[in-house]
Amino acid sequence: MYLLNQRKKSKQKNKNVMIDTMIFCYINENLATIN
């Protein structure tokens, strides 16, 4: 429900959240490789 409300409020903000999530996942994958 929260994500749907955010999407209605601001598409630009939602796009930024997607980018942040992609970066976060990328960093996590690299950390997992190091460890």
PDB file of N, CA and C in Angstrom:
ATOM      1  N   MET A   1       0.836  -1.205   0.000  1.00  0.00           N
ATOM      2  CA  MET A   1       0.000   0.000   0.000  1.00  0.00           C
ATOM      3  C   MET A   1       0.880   1.268   0.000  1.00  0.00           C
ATOM      4  N   TYR A   2       1.915   1.267   0.817  1.00  0.00           N
ATOM      5  CA  TYR A   2       2.783   2.443   0.932  1.00  0.00           C
ATOM      6  C   TYR A   2       3.448   2.784  -0.411  1.00  0.00           C
ATOM      7  N   LEU A   3       3.952   1.751  -1.092  1.00  0.00           N
ATOM      8  CA  LEU A   3       4.627   1.990  -2.365  1.00  0.00           C
ATOM      9  C   LEU A   3       3.662   2.537  -3.410  1.00  0.00           C
ATOM     10  N   LEU A   4       2.414   2.033  -3.418  1.00  0.00           N
ATOM     11  CA  LEU A   4       1.421   2.534  -4.366  1.00  0.00           C
ATOM     12  C   LEU A   4       1.131   4.001  -4.122  1.00  0.00           C
ATOM     13  N   ASN A   5       1.012   4.399  -2.858  1.00  0.00           N
ATOM     14  CA  ASN A   5       0.755   5.799  -2.524  1.00  0.00           C
ATOM     15  C   ASN A   5       1.923   6.688  -2.946  1.00  0.00           C
ATOM     16  N   GLN A   6       3.126   6.203  -2.726  1.00  0.00           N
ATOM     17  CA  GLN A   6       4.302   6.970  -3.117  1.00  0.00           C
ATOM     18  C   GLN A   6       4.340   7.161  -4.634  1.00  0.00           C
ATOM     19  N   ARG A   7       3.954   6.125  -5.372  1.00  0.00           N
ATOM     20  CA  ARG A   7       3.978   6.190  -6.833  1.00  0.00           C
ATOM     21  C   ARG A   7       2.994   7.246  -7.335  1.00  0.00           C
ATOM     22  N   LYS A   8       1.844   7.340  -6.672  1.00  0.00           N
ATOM     23  CA  LYS A   8       0.850   8.339  -7.062  1.00  0.00           C
ATOM     24  C   LYS A   8       1.351   9.748  -6.777  1.00  0.00           C
ATOM     25  N   LYS A   9       2.055   9.917  -5.672  1.00  0.00           N
ATOM     26  CA  LYS A   9       2.521  11.242  -5.259  1.00  0.00           C
ATOM     27  C   LYS A   9       3.568  11.789  -6.226  1.00  0.00           C
ATOM     28  N   SER A  10       4.583  10.980  -6.529  1.00  0.00           N
ATOM     29  CA  SER A  10       5.694  11.507  -7.317  1.00  0.00           C
ATOM     30  C   SER A  10       6.375  10.396  -8.105  1.00  0.00           C
ATOM     31  N   LYS A  11       6.209  10.438  -9.417  1.00  0.00           N
ATOM     32  CA  LYS A  11       6.845   9.423 -10.259  1.00  0.00           C
ATOM     33  C   LYS A  11       8.363   9.585 -10.254  1.00  0.00           C
ATOM     34  N   GLN A  12       8.820  10.834 -10.189  1.00  0.00           N
ATOM     35  CA  GLN A  12      10.262  11.086 -10.163  1.00  0.00           C
ATOM     36  C   GLN A  12      10.888  10.489  -8.900  1.00  0.00           C
ATOM     37  N   LYS A  13      10.217  10.679  -7.768  1.00  0.00           N
ATOM     38  CA  LYS A  13      10.726  10.148  -6.511  1.00  0.00           C
ATOM     39  C   LYS A  13      10.778   8.620  -6.565  1.00  0.00           C
ATOM     40  N   ASN A  14       9.745   8.025  -7.149  1.00  0.00           N
ATOM     41  CA  ASN A  14       9.691   6.572  -7.261  1.00  0.00           C
ATOM     42  C   ASN A  14      10.846   6.060  -8.121  1.00  0.00           C
ATOM     43  N   LYS A  15      11.170   6.797  -9.165  1.00  0.00           N
ATOM     44  CA  LYS A  15      12.284   6.423 -10.041  1.00  0.00           C
ATOM     45  C   LYS A  15      13.590   6.447  -9.254  1.00  0.00           C
ATOM     46  N   ASN A  16      13.759   7.464  -8.401  1.00  0.00           N
ATOM     47  CA  ASN A  16      14.956   7.563  -7.574  1.00  0.00           C
ATOM     48  C   ASN A  16      15.051   6.390  -6.604  1.00  0.00           C
ATOM     49  N   VAL A  17      13.916   5.978  -6.062  1.00  0.00           N
ATOM     50  CA  VAL A  17      13.894   4.836  -5.139  1.00  0.00           C
ATOM     51  C   VAL A  17      14.351   3.571  -5.864  1.00  0.00           C
ATOM     52  N   MET A  18      13.902   3.403  -7.099  1.00  0.00           N
ATOM     53  CA  MET A  18      14.316   2.235  -7.882  1.00  0.00           C
ATOM     54  C   MET A  18      15.813   2.238  -8.106  1.00  0.00           C
ATOM     55  N   ILE A  19      16.362   3.400  -8.423  1.00  0.00           N
ATOM     56  CA  ILE A  19      17.810   3.525  -8.648  1.00  0.00           C
ATOM     57  C   ILE A  19      18.569   3.221  -7.362  1.00  0.00           C
ATOM     58  N   ASP A  20      18.101   3.766  -6.241  1.00  0.00           N
ATOM     59  CA  ASP A  20      18.741   3.508  -4.949  1.00  0.00           C
ATOM     60  C   ASP A  20      18.724   2.021  -4.630  1.00  0.00           C
ATOM     61  N   THR A  21      17.612   1.367  -4.935  1.00  0.00           N
ATOM     62  CA  THR A  21      17.492  -0.071  -4.662  1.00  0.00           C
ATOM     63  C   THR A  21      18.476  -0.855  -5.518  1.00  0.00           C
ATOM     64  N   MET A  22      18.614  -0.473  -6.784  1.00  0.00           N
ATOM     65  CA  MET A  22      19.549  -1.152  -7.681  1.00  0.00           C
ATOM     66  C   MET A  22      20.981  -0.995  -7.180  1.00  0.00           C
ATOM     67  N   ILE A  23      21.334   0.217  -6.753  1.00  0.00           N
ATOM     68  CA  ILE A  23      22.683   0.476  -6.229  1.00  0.00           C
ATOM     69  C   ILE A  23      22.917  -0.342  -4.962  1.00  0.00           C
ATOM     70  N   PHE A  24      21.904  -0.365  -4.087  1.00  0.00           N
ATOM     71  CA  PHE A  24      22.003  -1.112  -2.834  1.00  0.00           C
ATOM     72  C   PHE A  24      22.239  -2.595  -3.102  1.00  0.00           C
ATOM     73  N   CYS A  25      21.489  -3.154  -4.051  1.00  0.00           N
ATOM     74  CA  CYS A  25      21.642  -4.569  -4.393  1.00  0.00           C
ATOM     75  C   CYS A  25      23.023  -4.825  -4.987  1.00  0.00           C
ATOM     76  N   TYR A  26      23.495  -3.908  -5.815  1.00  0.00           N
ATOM     77  CA  TYR A  26      24.812  -4.035  -6.440  1.00  0.00           C
ATOM     78  C   TYR A  26      25.912  -4.056  -5.383  1.00  0.00           C
ATOM     79  N   ILE A  27      25.814  -3.150  -4.406  1.00  0.00           N
ATOM     80  CA  ILE A  27      26.798  -3.092  -3.325  1.00  0.00           C
ATOM     81  C   ILE A  27      26.759  -4.379  -2.498  1.00  0.00           C
ATOM     82  N   ASN A  28      25.550  -4.850  -2.197  1.00  0.00           N
ATOM     83  CA  ASN A  28      25.415  -6.079  -1.418  1.00  0.00           C
ATOM     84  C   ASN A  28      26.044  -7.268  -2.126  1.00  0.00           C
ATOM     85  N   GLU A  29      25.884  -7.344  -3.436  1.00  0.00           N
ATOM     86  CA  GLU A  29      26.480  -8.439  -4.207  1.00  0.00           C
ATOM     87  C   GLU A  29      28.000  -8.375  -4.131  1.00  0.00           C
ATOM     88  N   ASN A  30      28.553  -7.163  -4.225  1.00  0.00           N
ATOM     89  CA  ASN A  30      30.001  -7.005  -4.155  1.00  0.00           C
ATOM     90  C   ASN A  30      30.526  -7.367  -2.766  1.00  0.00           C
ATOM     91  N   LEU A  31      29.814  -6.965  -1.719  1.00  0.00           N
ATOM     92  CA  LEU A  31      30.229  -7.297  -0.358  1.00  0.00           C
ATOM     93  C   LEU A  31      30.198  -8.809  -0.145  1.00  0.00           C
ATOM     94  N   ALA A  32      29.187  -9.457  -0.692  1.00  0.00           N
ATOM     95  CA  ALA A  32      29.072 -10.908  -0.558  1.00  0.00           C
ATOM     96  C   ALA A  32      30.239 -11.596  -1.265  1.00  0.00           C
ATOM     97  N   THR A  33      30.683 -11.021  -2.379  1.00  0.00           N
ATOM     98  CA  THR A  33      31.802 -11.597  -3.127  1.00  0.00           C
ATOM     99  C   THR A  33      33.101 -11.434  -2.341  1.00  0.00           C
ATOM    100  N   ILE A  34      33.269 -10.283  -1.703  1.00  0.00           N
ATOM    101  CA  ILE A  34      34.480 -10.013  -0.917  1.00  0.00           C
ATOM    102  C   ILE A  34      34.551 -10.980   0.268  1.00  0.00           C
ATOM    103  N   ASN A  35      33.418 -11.141   0.943  1.00  0.00           N
ATOM    104  CA  ASN A  35      33.388 -12.032   2.093  1.00  0.00           C
ATOM    105  C   ASN A  35      33.345 -13.477   1.635  1.00  0.00           C
TER     106      ASN A  35
END
